[in-house]
Amino acid sequence: MNITSIALLLRIVILGGLLGVTPIIRGANIIISGDSIGAGYGIPSESAFPALLQSKIDSAKLDYKIVNASVSGDTTASGLRRVNWILKRKADVLVIELGGNDGLRGIHPEETKKNLVGIIDKARAKYPSIKILLAGMQMPANMGKRYTDQFKKIFPEVAKEKKVTLVPFLLEGVGAIPEMNLDDLIHPNPKGHARVAENVWKKLKPLLAR
């Protein structure tokens, strides 16, 4: 960078400060609103799928930054309550990784669906051009066939209704596989997170290239 370029950059920063505006130098944000899986429960943060996605983004030389707003224990209801706070930071892409805790708590699928729709609507109200990726979840068979069938349908229905990109099943190749999970057989271990990152990346990368 030559002296003229540096001087111009300084003028932009100073002018932005005088106007109360934070200049955007580079990049776009991908906000992940998730639960304990997104938060990397039980493993180092650098091994969790959000960090692995950032590595894939960097390797692809795409100018995006992952902002991980995941909180262990979050349900779709708490995600809906937090969405306005999360989106105080400019969001170009929103990844919704919520619903697993709803299912484990036996929350009615219609309630989960309503909350997911609410999150999407609020995100679009604030950022009309935002791209949204919804991660699908499924429940184990011990929750009962009727409930698991109803729950599984939530995510494709919301994706179709709201026209968002769907990861059909976040834990594809991970769920209920002992070697891919921690001892609780609920949360992925580092190997499991690597597979989760692959599942998400298949759907996320095309969104970033548009």
Protein backbone atom coordinates (compact mmCIF):
# COMPACT_ATOMS: atom_id res chain seq x y z
CA MET A 1 0.00 0.00 0.00
CA ASN A 2 1.51 3.36 -1.05
CA ILE A 3 1.42 6.65 0.87
CA THR A 4 -1.51 7.98 -1.16
CA SER A 5 -3.60 4.89 -0.39
CA ILE A 6 -2.79 5.07 3.31
CA ALA A 7 -3.73 8.75 3.43
CA LEU A 8 -7.05 8.03 1.71
CA LEU A 9 -7.83 5.22 4.13
CA LEU A 10 -7.09 7.47 7.10
CA ARG A 11 -9.38 10.16 5.69
CA ILE A 12 -12.21 7.58 5.40
CA VAL A 13 -11.69 6.41 8.98
CA ILE A 14 -11.53 9.95 10.37
CA LEU A 15 -14.59 11.07 8.40
CA GLY A 16 -16.48 7.99 9.53
CA GLY A 17 -15.64 8.80 13.14
CA LEU A 18 -16.81 12.39 12.78
CA LEU A 19 -20.09 11.23 11.31
CA GLY A 20 -20.56 8.53 13.94
CA VAL A 21 -20.24 5.81 11.33
CA THR A 22 -18.01 2.76 11.57
CA PRO A 23 -16.39 2.30 8.15
CA ILE A 24 -16.67 -1.17 6.67
CA ILE A 25 -13.20 -2.05 5.46
CA ARG A 26 -13.81 -5.60 4.22
CA GLY A 27 -15.80 -8.75 4.47
CA ALA A 28 -19.30 -9.90 5.17
CA ASN A 29 -20.73 -11.66 8.21
CA ILE A 30 -22.22 -15.12 8.59
CA ILE A 31 -24.11 -15.28 11.88
CA ILE A 32 -24.68 -18.72 13.38
CA SER A 33 -27.62 -18.90 15.78
CA GLY A 34 -27.32 -22.32 17.35
CA ASP A 35 -27.40 -24.43 20.47
CA SER A 36 -24.78 -26.62 22.16
CA ILE A 37 -23.75 -28.17 18.86
CA GLY A 38 -22.92 -24.77 17.39
CA ALA A 39 -21.32 -23.78 20.69
CA GLY A 40 -19.01 -26.81 20.48
CA TYR A 41 -20.08 -28.39 23.73
CA GLY A 42 -17.38 -30.57 25.26
CA ILE A 43 -14.66 -29.90 22.71
CA PRO A 44 -12.15 -27.09 21.95
CA SER A 45 -13.81 -24.22 20.10
CA GLU A 46 -11.38 -24.56 17.21
CA SER A 47 -12.68 -28.11 16.62
CA ALA A 48 -16.35 -27.12 16.45
CA PHE A 49 -18.08 -26.85 13.11
CA PRO A 50 -18.30 -23.01 13.04
CA ALA A 51 -14.50 -22.74 13.27
CA LEU A 52 -14.11 -25.47 10.66
CA LEU A 53 -16.46 -23.57 8.35
CA GLN A 54 -14.26 -20.49 8.72
CA SER A 55 -11.27 -22.56 7.63
CA LYS A 56 -13.17 -23.73 4.55
CA ILE A 57 -14.20 -20.16 3.76
CA ASP A 58 -10.61 -18.96 4.06
CA SER A 59 -9.33 -21.82 1.91
CA ALA A 60 -11.89 -20.90 -0.76
CA LYS A 61 -10.71 -17.27 -0.55
CA LEU A 62 -14.20 -16.03 0.18
CA ASP A 63 -14.45 -12.76 2.07
CA TYR A 64 -16.78 -13.85 4.87
CA LYS A 65 -16.40 -14.00 8.63
CA ILE A 66 -18.19 -16.49 10.86
CA VAL A 67 -19.78 -14.90 13.94
CA ASN A 68 -20.80 -17.70 16.27
CA ALA A 69 -23.76 -16.63 18.42
CA SER A 70 -24.62 -20.15 19.56
CA VAL A 71 -25.60 -20.78 23.18
CA SER A 72 -25.78 -24.19 24.83
CA GLY A 73 -29.33 -25.04 25.82
CA ASP A 74 -30.99 -22.68 23.37
CA THR A 75 -34.37 -23.66 21.96
CA THR A 76 -36.13 -22.07 19.01
CA ALA A 77 -38.06 -19.94 21.52
CA SER A 78 -34.89 -18.54 23.08
CA GLY A 79 -33.45 -18.10 19.61
CA LEU A 80 -36.48 -16.04 18.65
CA ARG A 81 -36.09 -13.90 21.78
CA ARG A 82 -32.40 -13.32 21.03
CA VAL A 83 -32.58 -12.74 17.30
CA ASN A 84 -32.87 -8.94 17.46
CA TRP A 85 -29.84 -8.78 19.74
CA ILE A 86 -27.84 -11.15 17.54
CA LEU A 87 -28.64 -9.09 14.47
CA LYS A 88 -27.33 -5.87 15.94
CA ARG A 89 -24.22 -6.93 14.09
CA LYS A 90 -24.66 -6.65 10.30
CA ALA A 91 -25.66 -10.03 8.95
CA ASP A 92 -25.27 -11.08 5.34
CA VAL A 93 -25.99 -14.76 6.00
CA LEU A 94 -27.88 -16.31 8.92
CA VAL A 95 -27.39 -19.98 9.76
CA ILE A 96 -30.16 -21.29 12.03
CA GLU A 97 -29.03 -24.36 13.97
CA LEU A 98 -31.86 -24.68 16.47
CA GLY A 99 -34.58 -27.17 17.28
CA GLY A 100 -32.69 -30.08 18.78
CA ASN A 101 -33.48 -29.02 22.33
CA ASP A 102 -37.12 -28.47 21.39
CA GLY A 103 -37.34 -32.09 20.33
CA LEU A 104 -35.55 -33.49 23.36
CA ARG A 105 -37.94 -31.54 25.59
CA GLY A 106 -40.98 -32.77 23.69
CA ILE A 107 -42.06 -29.30 22.59
CA HIS A 108 -44.95 -29.46 20.14
CA PRO A 109 -43.65 -29.37 16.55
CA GLU A 110 -46.06 -26.58 15.61
CA GLU A 111 -44.49 -24.38 18.30
CA THR A 112 -41.02 -25.10 16.97
CA LYS A 113 -42.16 -24.32 13.45
CA LYS A 114 -43.75 -21.04 14.53
CA ASN A 115 -40.54 -19.97 16.26
CA LEU A 116 -38.36 -20.80 13.26
CA VAL A 117 -40.66 -18.81 10.99
CA GLY A 118 -40.49 -15.93 13.49
CA ILE A 119 -36.68 -15.94 13.43
CA ILE A 120 -36.64 -15.86 9.63
CA ASP A 121 -39.24 -13.09 9.46
CA LYS A 122 -37.37 -10.92 11.96
CA ALA A 123 -34.08 -11.42 10.13
CA ARG A 124 -35.61 -10.41 6.81
CA ALA A 125 -37.38 -7.44 8.35
CA LYS A 126 -34.02 -6.07 9.45
CA TYR A 127 -31.93 -7.21 6.48
CA PRO A 128 -34.21 -7.80 3.44
CA SER A 129 -31.39 -9.23 1.32
CA ILE A 130 -30.09 -11.64 3.98
CA LYS A 131 -29.43 -15.23 2.92
CA ILE A 132 -30.69 -17.87 5.32
CA LEU A 133 -29.57 -21.45 5.85
CA LEU A 134 -31.75 -23.70 8.02
CA ALA A 135 -30.20 -26.82 9.54
CA GLY A 136 -32.63 -29.71 9.80
CA MET A 137 -32.74 -31.94 12.87
CA GLN A 138 -34.26 -35.31 13.69
CA MET A 139 -35.19 -37.03 16.93
CA PRO A 140 -34.19 -40.52 18.10
CA ALA A 141 -36.70 -43.33 17.79
CA ASN A 142 -37.27 -43.46 21.57
CA MET A 143 -39.23 -40.21 21.29
CA GLY A 144 -42.00 -42.20 19.58
CA LYS A 145 -42.79 -42.60 15.89
CA ARG A 146 -45.60 -40.05 15.76
CA TYR A 147 -43.48 -37.34 17.38
CA THR A 148 -40.31 -38.10 15.40
CA ASP A 149 -42.22 -38.08 12.11
CA GLN A 150 -43.88 -34.75 12.92
CA PHE A 151 -40.62 -33.24 14.08
CA LYS A 152 -38.69 -34.34 10.99
CA LYS A 153 -41.22 -32.57 8.74
CA ILE A 154 -40.77 -29.17 10.44
CA PHE A 155 -37.57 -28.16 8.69
CA PRO A 156 -38.40 -28.95 5.05
CA GLU A 157 -41.81 -27.35 5.54
CA VAL A 158 -40.29 -24.14 6.89
CA ALA A 159 -37.62 -24.12 4.18
CA LYS A 160 -40.24 -24.48 1.45
CA GLU A 161 -42.67 -21.98 2.97
CA LYS A 162 -40.06 -19.30 3.64
CA LYS A 163 -37.84 -20.09 0.62
CA VAL A 164 -34.63 -20.63 2.57
CA THR A 165 -31.80 -23.09 1.93
CA LEU A 166 -32.08 -26.35 3.87
CA VAL A 167 -29.45 -28.69 5.25
CA PRO A 168 -31.72 -31.77 5.33
CA PHE A 169 -30.15 -33.27 8.46
CA LEU A 170 -27.35 -31.50 10.30
CA LEU A 171 -26.13 -34.71 11.95
CA GLU A 172 -26.14 -36.88 8.83
CA GLY A 173 -23.38 -39.44 9.29
CA VAL A 174 -22.99 -38.38 12.93
CA GLY A 175 -26.20 -38.97 14.88
CA ALA A 176 -26.30 -42.18 16.94
CA ILE A 177 -22.83 -43.22 15.75
CA PRO A 178 -20.68 -43.74 18.89
CA GLU A 179 -17.31 -42.97 17.28
CA MET A 180 -18.62 -39.60 16.05
CA ASN A 181 -19.96 -38.44 19.41
CA LEU A 182 -18.99 -37.75 22.98
CA ASP A 183 -19.90 -40.30 25.63
CA ASP A 184 -23.39 -38.80 25.95
CA LEU A 185 -24.12 -39.86 22.34
CA ILE A 186 -25.81 -36.49 21.82
CA HIS A 187 -22.99 -34.06 21.16
CA PRO A 188 -20.50 -34.59 18.33
CA ASN A 189 -16.82 -35.08 19.11
CA PRO A 190 -14.17 -33.39 16.91
CA LYS A 191 -14.53 -36.11 14.27
CA GLY A 192 -18.29 -35.63 14.31
CA HIS A 193 -17.95 -31.86 14.00
CA ALA A 194 -15.77 -32.33 10.94
CA ARG A 195 -18.63 -34.24 9.31
CA VAL A 196 -21.18 -31.64 10.45
CA ALA A 197 -19.03 -28.94 8.85
CA GLU A 198 -19.07 -30.90 5.59
CA ASN A 199 -22.84 -31.23 5.75
CA VAL A 200 -23.28 -27.49 6.23
CA TRP A 201 -20.60 -26.49 3.72
CA LYS A 202 -22.34 -28.35 0.89
CA LYS A 203 -25.25 -25.95 1.21
CA LEU A 204 -23.45 -22.85 2.48
CA LYS A 205 -20.76 -22.57 -0.19
CA PRO A 206 -23.22 -22.06 -3.09
CA LEU A 207 -24.92 -19.27 -1.11
CA LEU A 208 -21.62 -17.44 -0.70
CA ALA A 209 -20.76 -17.73 -4.36
CA ARG A 210 -23.96 -15.95 -5.50
